[in-house]
Amino acid sequence: MLYKKNTLARKYTYVLTQKPLVFICFVLIGVVLFINLTSKVLLDVHSIHTIQLQQFDEGIIVRLEGNPIIYDKGYLYIDKNEAVIPVITELTKTYPTYCYVSITPCDPNEVINTKWEQAYLEVPIRTESLFHRIIAKGGKNRD
């Protein structure tokens, strides 16, 4: 005999092939773990607004069409492949069809170029679980 037969591997193979209850338990444990872990992971859903930056004495203020729900954070960029600046957003004035939002960078050393002709502001509007995104929406961000 050239090698010693592994009795543990033979028993494992026998149990999994002859008794389907063990295999079904493995699958059920995997499904329960998947549902539990994906329901605990929360994702932000962002609303992207095209903006023009305006410098005032109070700071940088932008006008957003509609009345989006503004949290205290957001992301400002021209191109996502370039620099993305985390900013703190604060709702200053609201009107029926638009609102004004004040923007200050999270890092005090960060400088926002107000000469950008067109920039984008991503603002989180809500959070949802990874399970809801995968199962209910099919992995797509449909609003």
N, C-alpha and C. Protein backbone atom coordinates (compact mmCIF):
# COMPACT_ATOMS: atom_id res chain seq x y z
N MET A 1 0.85 -1.16 0.00
CA MET A 1 0.00 0.00 0.00
C MET A 1 0.90 1.24 0.00
N LEU A 2 0.70 2.11 -0.96
CA LEU A 2 1.54 3.28 -1.11
C LEU A 2 1.18 4.40 -0.14
N TYR A 3 -0.08 4.55 0.16
CA TYR A 3 -0.50 5.63 1.06
C TYR A 3 -1.57 5.11 2.01
N LYS A 4 -1.70 5.79 3.11
CA LYS A 4 -2.68 5.40 4.11
C LYS A 4 -4.02 6.04 3.75
N LYS A 5 -5.08 5.27 3.73
CA LYS A 5 -6.39 5.81 3.39
C LYS A 5 -6.90 6.67 4.54
N ASN A 6 -7.46 7.80 4.17
CA ASN A 6 -7.96 8.75 5.15
C ASN A 6 -9.37 8.32 5.55
N THR A 7 -9.50 7.83 6.75
CA THR A 7 -10.81 7.33 7.20
C THR A 7 -11.77 8.48 7.47
N LEU A 8 -11.26 9.62 7.92
CA LEU A 8 -12.13 10.76 8.19
C LEU A 8 -12.78 11.26 6.89
N ALA A 9 -12.03 11.34 5.81
CA ALA A 9 -12.57 11.78 4.53
C ALA A 9 -13.61 10.79 4.02
N ARG A 10 -13.37 9.51 4.20
CA ARG A 10 -14.34 8.50 3.77
C ARG A 10 -15.63 8.61 4.57
N LYS A 11 -15.53 8.84 5.89
CA LYS A 11 -16.73 8.98 6.71
C LYS A 11 -17.51 10.24 6.33
N TYR A 12 -16.77 11.34 6.09
CA TYR A 12 -17.41 12.60 5.68
C TYR A 12 -18.16 12.42 4.37
N THR A 13 -17.54 11.78 3.40
CA THR A 13 -18.19 11.54 2.11
C THR A 13 -19.40 10.63 2.27
N TYR A 14 -19.29 9.62 3.09
CA TYR A 14 -20.39 8.70 3.32
C TYR A 14 -21.59 9.41 3.95
N VAL A 15 -21.31 10.25 4.97
CA VAL A 15 -22.40 10.93 5.67
C VAL A 15 -23.10 11.91 4.73
N LEU A 16 -22.35 12.66 3.93
CA LEU A 16 -22.97 13.64 3.05
C LEU A 16 -23.72 13.00 1.89
N THR A 17 -23.26 11.85 1.41
CA THR A 17 -23.95 11.23 0.28
C THR A 17 -25.09 10.32 0.71
N GLN A 18 -25.00 9.72 1.86
CA GLN A 18 -26.02 8.78 2.28
C GLN A 18 -27.11 9.39 3.14
N LYS A 19 -26.82 10.48 3.82
CA LYS A 19 -27.80 11.09 4.69
C LYS A 19 -28.03 12.54 4.23
N PRO A 20 -29.12 12.82 3.53
CA PRO A 20 -29.35 14.16 3.01
C PRO A 20 -29.68 15.20 4.09
N LEU A 21 -30.03 14.74 5.29
CA LEU A 21 -30.36 15.67 6.36
C LEU A 21 -29.16 16.54 6.74
N VAL A 22 -27.96 15.99 6.73
CA VAL A 22 -26.76 16.75 7.06
C VAL A 22 -26.52 17.83 5.99
N PHE A 23 -26.66 17.46 4.72
CA PHE A 23 -26.49 18.43 3.63
C PHE A 23 -27.54 19.53 3.71
N ILE A 24 -28.78 19.18 4.00
CA ILE A 24 -29.85 20.18 4.13
C ILE A 24 -29.57 21.11 5.30
N CYS A 25 -29.04 20.59 6.40
CA CYS A 25 -28.68 21.45 7.53
C CYS A 25 -27.58 22.44 7.15
N PHE A 26 -26.56 21.98 6.39
CA PHE A 26 -25.51 22.89 5.93
C PHE A 26 -26.09 24.00 5.07
N VAL A 27 -26.98 23.67 4.18
CA VAL A 27 -27.58 24.67 3.30
C VAL A 27 -28.43 25.65 4.11
N LEU A 28 -29.23 25.15 5.04
CA LEU A 28 -30.07 26.03 5.87
C LEU A 28 -29.23 26.97 6.73
N ILE A 29 -28.14 26.47 7.28
CA ILE A 29 -27.25 27.33 8.07
C ILE A 29 -26.67 28.43 7.19
N GLY A 30 -26.29 28.10 5.96
CA GLY A 30 -25.77 29.10 5.03
C GLY A 30 -26.80 30.15 4.67
N VAL A 31 -28.03 29.73 4.44
CA VAL A 31 -29.09 30.68 4.09
C VAL A 31 -29.41 31.60 5.27
N VAL A 32 -29.48 31.03 6.47
CA VAL A 32 -29.76 31.84 7.65
C VAL A 32 -28.64 32.85 7.89
N LEU A 33 -27.38 32.44 7.73
CA LEU A 33 -26.26 33.37 7.88
C LEU A 33 -26.30 34.47 6.82
N PHE A 34 -26.62 34.11 5.58
CA PHE A 34 -26.71 35.10 4.51
C PHE A 34 -27.77 36.15 4.81
N ILE A 35 -28.97 35.71 5.20
CA ILE A 35 -30.06 36.64 5.49
C ILE A 35 -29.71 37.51 6.69
N ASN A 36 -29.15 36.91 7.72
CA ASN A 36 -28.81 37.66 8.94
C ASN A 36 -27.74 38.72 8.66
N LEU A 37 -26.68 38.37 7.97
CA LEU A 37 -25.59 39.31 7.74
C LEU A 37 -25.98 40.40 6.75
N THR A 38 -26.69 40.06 5.68
CA THR A 38 -27.05 41.09 4.70
C THR A 38 -28.14 42.02 5.22
N SER A 39 -28.92 41.59 6.18
CA SER A 39 -29.93 42.51 6.72
C SER A 39 -29.31 43.48 7.72
N LYS A 40 -28.12 43.18 8.25
CA LYS A 40 -27.46 44.09 9.20
C LYS A 40 -26.57 45.12 8.51
N VAL A 41 -26.18 44.88 7.25
CA VAL A 41 -25.33 45.83 6.52
C VAL A 41 -26.22 46.92 5.92
N LEU A 42 -25.96 48.18 6.29
CA LEU A 42 -26.77 49.30 5.81
C LEU A 42 -26.01 50.08 4.75
N LEU A 43 -26.70 50.46 3.68
CA LEU A 43 -26.13 51.22 2.58
C LEU A 43 -26.83 52.56 2.46
N ASP A 44 -26.08 53.60 2.11
CA ASP A 44 -26.68 54.90 1.85
C ASP A 44 -27.17 54.94 0.41
N VAL A 45 -28.34 55.54 0.21
CA VAL A 45 -28.86 55.80 -1.12
C VAL A 45 -28.67 57.29 -1.38
N HIS A 46 -27.91 57.61 -2.43
CA HIS A 46 -27.57 59.00 -2.70
C HIS A 46 -28.44 59.60 -3.79
N SER A 47 -28.67 60.89 -3.66
CA SER A 47 -29.31 61.67 -4.69
C SER A 47 -28.24 62.59 -5.27
N ILE A 48 -28.07 62.58 -6.60
CA ILE A 48 -27.03 63.37 -7.24
C ILE A 48 -27.65 64.62 -7.84
N HIS A 49 -27.09 65.77 -7.50
CA HIS A 49 -27.58 67.06 -7.98
C HIS A 49 -26.48 67.76 -8.76
N THR A 50 -26.83 68.31 -9.92
CA THR A 50 -25.91 69.15 -10.67
C THR A 50 -26.02 70.56 -10.12
N ILE A 51 -24.89 71.13 -9.74
CA ILE A 51 -24.92 72.42 -9.05
C ILE A 51 -23.91 73.39 -9.66
N GLN A 52 -24.11 74.66 -9.36
CA GLN A 52 -23.12 75.69 -9.62
C GLN A 52 -22.80 76.34 -8.28
N LEU A 53 -21.52 76.41 -7.97
CA LEU A 53 -21.09 76.93 -6.67
C LEU A 53 -21.11 78.44 -6.68
N GLN A 54 -21.57 79.03 -5.60
CA GLN A 54 -21.59 80.48 -5.45
C GLN A 54 -20.98 80.82 -4.10
N GLN A 55 -20.01 81.73 -4.12
CA GLN A 55 -19.33 82.16 -2.89
C GLN A 55 -20.04 83.37 -2.31
N PHE A 56 -20.42 83.30 -1.04
CA PHE A 56 -21.02 84.41 -0.31
C PHE A 56 -20.22 84.64 0.96
N ASP A 57 -20.62 85.66 1.71
CA ASP A 57 -19.93 85.95 2.97
C ASP A 57 -20.11 84.81 3.97
N GLU A 58 -21.26 84.16 3.94
CA GLU A 58 -21.54 83.06 4.87
C GLU A 58 -20.79 81.80 4.50
N GLY A 59 -20.32 81.69 3.28
CA GLY A 59 -19.65 80.49 2.80
C GLY A 59 -20.15 80.15 1.41
N ILE A 60 -20.02 78.90 1.03
CA ILE A 60 -20.46 78.45 -0.29
C ILE A 60 -21.90 77.98 -0.18
N ILE A 61 -22.74 78.53 -1.05
CA ILE A 61 -24.17 78.19 -1.04
C ILE A 61 -24.55 77.72 -2.43
N VAL A 62 -25.33 76.64 -2.50
CA VAL A 62 -25.81 76.12 -3.77
C VAL A 62 -27.32 76.04 -3.75
N ARG A 63 -27.89 76.07 -4.94
CA ARG A 63 -29.34 75.96 -5.08
C ARG A 63 -29.67 74.57 -5.63
N LEU A 64 -30.54 73.87 -4.94
CA LEU A 64 -30.97 72.54 -5.35
C LEU A 64 -32.43 72.60 -5.76
N GLU A 65 -32.72 72.06 -6.94
CA GLU A 65 -34.10 72.00 -7.40
C GLU A 65 -34.86 70.95 -6.62
N GLY A 66 -36.13 71.19 -6.41
CA GLY A 66 -36.94 70.29 -5.60
C GLY A 66 -36.64 70.52 -4.13
N ASN A 67 -37.16 69.72 -3.28
CA ASN A 67 -36.88 69.80 -1.85
C ASN A 67 -36.33 68.47 -1.36
N PRO A 68 -35.04 68.21 -1.62
CA PRO A 68 -34.48 66.94 -1.16
C PRO A 68 -34.31 66.93 0.35
N ILE A 69 -34.29 65.74 0.90
CA ILE A 69 -34.03 65.59 2.33
C ILE A 69 -32.52 65.72 2.49
N ILE A 70 -32.09 66.69 3.27
CA ILE A 70 -30.67 66.96 3.42
C ILE A 70 -30.20 66.46 4.78
N TYR A 71 -29.23 65.53 4.76
CA TYR A 71 -28.57 65.11 5.99
C TYR A 71 -27.37 66.02 6.20
N ASP A 72 -26.59 65.73 7.18
CA ASP A 72 -25.47 66.61 7.49
C ASP A 72 -24.19 66.28 6.72
N LYS A 73 -24.22 65.37 5.77
CA LYS A 73 -23.02 65.04 5.02
C LYS A 73 -23.35 64.94 3.54
N GLY A 74 -22.32 65.04 2.75
CA GLY A 74 -22.47 64.93 1.31
C GLY A 74 -21.10 64.83 0.67
N TYR A 75 -21.08 64.70 -0.65
CA TYR A 75 -19.83 64.58 -1.40
C TYR A 75 -19.90 65.50 -2.60
N LEU A 76 -18.84 66.27 -2.81
CA LEU A 76 -18.76 67.25 -3.88
C LEU A 76 -17.66 66.83 -4.83
N TYR A 77 -17.93 66.85 -6.15
CA TYR A 77 -16.93 66.46 -7.12
C TYR A 77 -17.27 67.01 -8.50
N ILE A 78 -16.25 67.06 -9.36
CA ILE A 78 -16.47 67.35 -10.77
C ILE A 78 -16.51 66.05 -11.54
N ASP A 79 -15.55 65.19 -11.24
CA ASP A 79 -15.45 63.87 -11.86
C ASP A 79 -15.16 62.88 -10.74
N LYS A 80 -15.90 61.80 -10.66
CA LYS A 80 -15.70 60.83 -9.58
C LYS A 80 -14.33 60.17 -9.65
N ASN A 81 -13.74 60.14 -10.84
CA ASN A 81 -12.42 59.54 -10.96
C ASN A 81 -11.33 60.47 -10.45
N GLU A 82 -11.64 61.72 -10.29
CA GLU A 82 -10.70 62.69 -9.73
C GLU A 82 -10.96 62.80 -8.23
N ALA A 83 -10.82 63.98 -7.69
CA ALA A 83 -10.99 64.18 -6.25
C ALA A 83 -12.47 64.26 -5.87
N VAL A 84 -12.83 63.57 -4.82
CA VAL A 84 -14.16 63.66 -4.23
C VAL A 84 -13.99 64.29 -2.85
N ILE A 85 -14.65 65.41 -2.63
CA ILE A 85 -14.48 66.17 -1.39
C ILE A 85 -15.67 65.89 -0.46
N PRO A 86 -15.42 65.29 0.71
CA PRO A 86 -16.51 65.15 1.67
C PRO A 86 -16.85 66.51 2.26
N VAL A 87 -18.14 66.82 2.28
CA VAL A 87 -18.58 68.13 2.76
C VAL A 87 -19.68 67.97 3.80
N ILE A 88 -19.85 69.02 4.58
CA ILE A 88 -20.96 69.09 5.53
C ILE A 88 -22.01 70.00 4.91
N THR A 89 -23.23 69.51 4.79
CA THR A 89 -24.30 70.29 4.17
C THR A 89 -25.27 70.75 5.25
N GLU A 90 -25.78 71.94 5.05
CA GLU A 90 -26.75 72.50 6.00
C GLU A 90 -27.81 73.25 5.20
N LEU A 91 -29.04 72.90 5.45
CA LEU A 91 -30.15 73.54 4.77
C LEU A 91 -30.31 74.97 5.29
N THR A 92 -30.27 75.96 4.37
CA THR A 92 -30.37 77.35 4.82
C THR A 92 -31.76 77.92 4.59
N LYS A 93 -32.29 77.81 3.36
CA LYS A 93 -33.63 78.33 3.06
C LYS A 93 -34.35 77.33 2.16
N THR A 94 -35.66 77.21 2.40
CA THR A 94 -36.47 76.34 1.56
C THR A 94 -37.60 77.14 0.94
N TYR A 95 -37.90 76.81 -0.30
CA TYR A 95 -39.02 77.38 -1.04
C TYR A 95 -39.82 76.22 -1.61
N PRO A 96 -41.00 76.46 -2.18
CA PRO A 96 -41.81 75.33 -2.66
C PRO A 96 -41.14 74.47 -3.73
N THR A 97 -40.33 75.06 -4.61
CA THR A 97 -39.76 74.27 -5.71
C THR A 97 -38.25 74.11 -5.63
N TYR A 98 -37.57 74.77 -4.72
CA TYR A 98 -36.12 74.65 -4.60
C TYR A 98 -35.69 75.00 -3.18
N CYS A 99 -34.42 74.76 -2.91
CA CYS A 99 -33.87 75.10 -1.59
C CYS A 99 -32.41 75.51 -1.74
N TYR A 100 -31.92 76.23 -0.74
CA TYR A 100 -30.52 76.62 -0.70
C TYR A 100 -29.80 75.83 0.38
N VAL A 101 -28.61 75.36 0.03
CA VAL A 101 -27.83 74.53 0.94
C VAL A 101 -26.45 75.14 1.09
N SER A 102 -25.99 75.27 2.33
CA SER A 102 -24.65 75.75 2.62
C SER A 102 -23.70 74.57 2.67
N ILE A 103 -22.52 74.73 2.07
CA ILE A 103 -21.54 73.65 1.99
C ILE A 103 -20.23 74.09 2.63
N THR A 104 -19.73 73.27 3.55
CA THR A 104 -18.40 73.49 4.13
C THR A 104 -17.64 72.17 4.09
N PRO A 105 -16.37 72.20 3.73
CA PRO A 105 -15.59 70.95 3.68
C PRO A 105 -15.40 70.35 5.07
N CYS A 106 -15.35 69.03 5.14
CA CYS A 106 -15.10 68.35 6.42
C CYS A 106 -13.69 68.64 6.93
N ASP A 107 -12.74 68.67 6.00
CA ASP A 107 -11.36 68.98 6.35
C ASP A 107 -11.15 70.48 6.25
N PRO A 108 -10.76 71.16 7.32
CA PRO A 108 -10.61 72.62 7.25
C PRO A 108 -9.51 73.07 6.28
N ASN A 109 -8.56 72.19 5.96
CA ASN A 109 -7.50 72.54 5.03
C ASN A 109 -7.90 72.37 3.57
N GLU A 110 -9.04 71.76 3.33
CA GLU A 110 -9.52 71.53 1.96
C GLU A 110 -10.07 72.82 1.37
N VAL A 111 -9.71 73.09 0.14
CA VAL A 111 -10.17 74.30 -0.54
C VAL A 111 -11.09 73.87 -1.68
N ILE A 112 -12.28 74.46 -1.72
CA ILE A 112 -13.23 74.19 -2.79
C ILE A 112 -13.10 75.31 -3.82
N ASN A 113 -12.84 74.91 -5.05
CA ASN A 113 -12.69 75.88 -6.13
C ASN A 113 -14.07 76.34 -6.57
N THR A 114 -14.41 77.59 -6.31
CA THR A 114 -15.74 78.10 -6.67
C THR A 114 -15.82 78.52 -8.13
N LYS A 115 -14.75 78.36 -8.88
CA LYS A 115 -14.77 78.71 -10.31
C LYS A 115 -15.17 77.52 -11.18
N TRP A 116 -15.50 76.40 -10.55
CA TRP A 116 -15.98 75.25 -11.31
C TRP A 116 -17.29 75.64 -11.97
N GLU A 117 -17.39 75.39 -13.27
CA GLU A 117 -18.63 75.74 -13.97
C GLU A 117 -19.77 74.82 -13.57
N GLN A 118 -19.45 73.54 -13.47
CA GLN A 118 -20.49 72.58 -13.13
C GLN A 118 -19.89 71.54 -12.20
N ALA A 119 -20.53 71.31 -11.09
CA ALA A 119 -20.07 70.31 -10.13
C ALA A 119 -21.27 69.43 -9.75
N TYR A 120 -20.99 68.38 -9.05
CA TYR A 120 -22.03 67.45 -8.62
C TYR A 120 -21.99 67.33 -7.10
N LEU A 121 -23.16 67.30 -6.50
CA LEU A 121 -23.29 67.12 -5.06
C LEU A 121 -24.11 65.87 -4.83
N GLU A 122 -23.50 64.90 -4.16
CA GLU A 122 -24.19 63.67 -3.78
C GLU A 122 -24.62 63.80 -2.34
N VAL A 123 -25.91 63.65 -2.11
CA VAL A 123 -26.45 63.78 -0.76
C VAL A 123 -27.19 62.49 -0.43
N PRO A 124 -26.86 61.84 0.70
CA PRO A 124 -27.62 60.64 1.07
C PRO A 124 -29.05 61.01 1.45
N ILE A 125 -30.01 60.29 0.88
CA ILE A 125 -31.41 60.59 1.16
C ILE A 125 -32.05 59.58 2.11
N ARG A 126 -31.48 58.36 2.15
CA ARG A 126 -32.00 57.36 3.09
C ARG A 126 -30.99 56.21 3.16
N THR A 127 -31.23 55.30 4.07
CA THR A 127 -30.41 54.09 4.17
C THR A 127 -31.31 52.89 3.95
N GLU A 128 -30.72 51.84 3.41
CA GLU A 128 -31.46 50.59 3.23
C GLU A 128 -30.50 49.44 3.47
N SER A 129 -31.03 48.28 3.78
CA SER A 129 -30.19 47.13 4.06
C SER A 129 -29.72 46.49 2.75
N LEU A 130 -28.61 45.80 2.85
CA LEU A 130 -28.07 45.10 1.69
C LEU A 130 -29.04 44.00 1.23
N PHE A 131 -29.71 43.36 2.16
CA PHE A 131 -30.69 42.33 1.82
C PHE A 131 -31.83 42.90 0.98
N HIS A 132 -32.33 44.08 1.38
CA HIS A 132 -33.40 44.72 0.63
C HIS A 132 -32.93 45.10 -0.77
N ARG A 133 -31.69 45.59 -0.88
CA ARG A 133 -31.16 45.97 -2.18
C ARG A 133 -31.00 44.76 -3.10
N ILE A 134 -30.53 43.63 -2.55
CA ILE A 134 -30.30 42.45 -3.38
C ILE A 134 -31.61 41.76 -3.74
N ILE A 135 -32.46 41.51 -2.77
CA ILE A 135 -33.67 40.71 -3.00
C ILE A 135 -34.80 41.54 -3.60
N ALA A 136 -35.15 42.65 -2.98
CA ALA A 136 -36.32 43.41 -3.43
C ALA A 136 -36.05 44.19 -4.71
N LYS A 137 -34.85 44.76 -4.82
CA LYS A 137 -34.56 45.60 -5.98
C LYS A 137 -33.73 44.90 -7.04
N GLY A 138 -33.30 43.70 -6.78
CA GLY A 138 -32.51 42.97 -7.77
C GLY A 138 -31.12 43.54 -7.96
N GLY A 139 -30.57 44.22 -6.94
CA GLY A 139 -29.23 44.75 -7.01
C GLY A 139 -29.12 46.11 -7.64
N LYS A 140 -30.24 46.66 -8.10
CA LYS A 140 -30.21 47.96 -8.78
C LYS A 140 -30.75 49.05 -7.87
N ASN A 141 -30.30 50.26 -8.10
CA ASN A 141 -30.72 51.39 -7.30
C ASN A 141 -31.86 52.11 -8.03
N ARG A 142 -33.05 51.60 -7.86
CA ARG A 142 -34.22 52.21 -8.50
C ARG A 142 -34.95 53.07 -7.51
N ASP A 143 -35.18 54.32 -7.88
CA ASP A 143 -35.93 55.23 -7.00
C ASP A 143 -37.29 55.52 -7.58
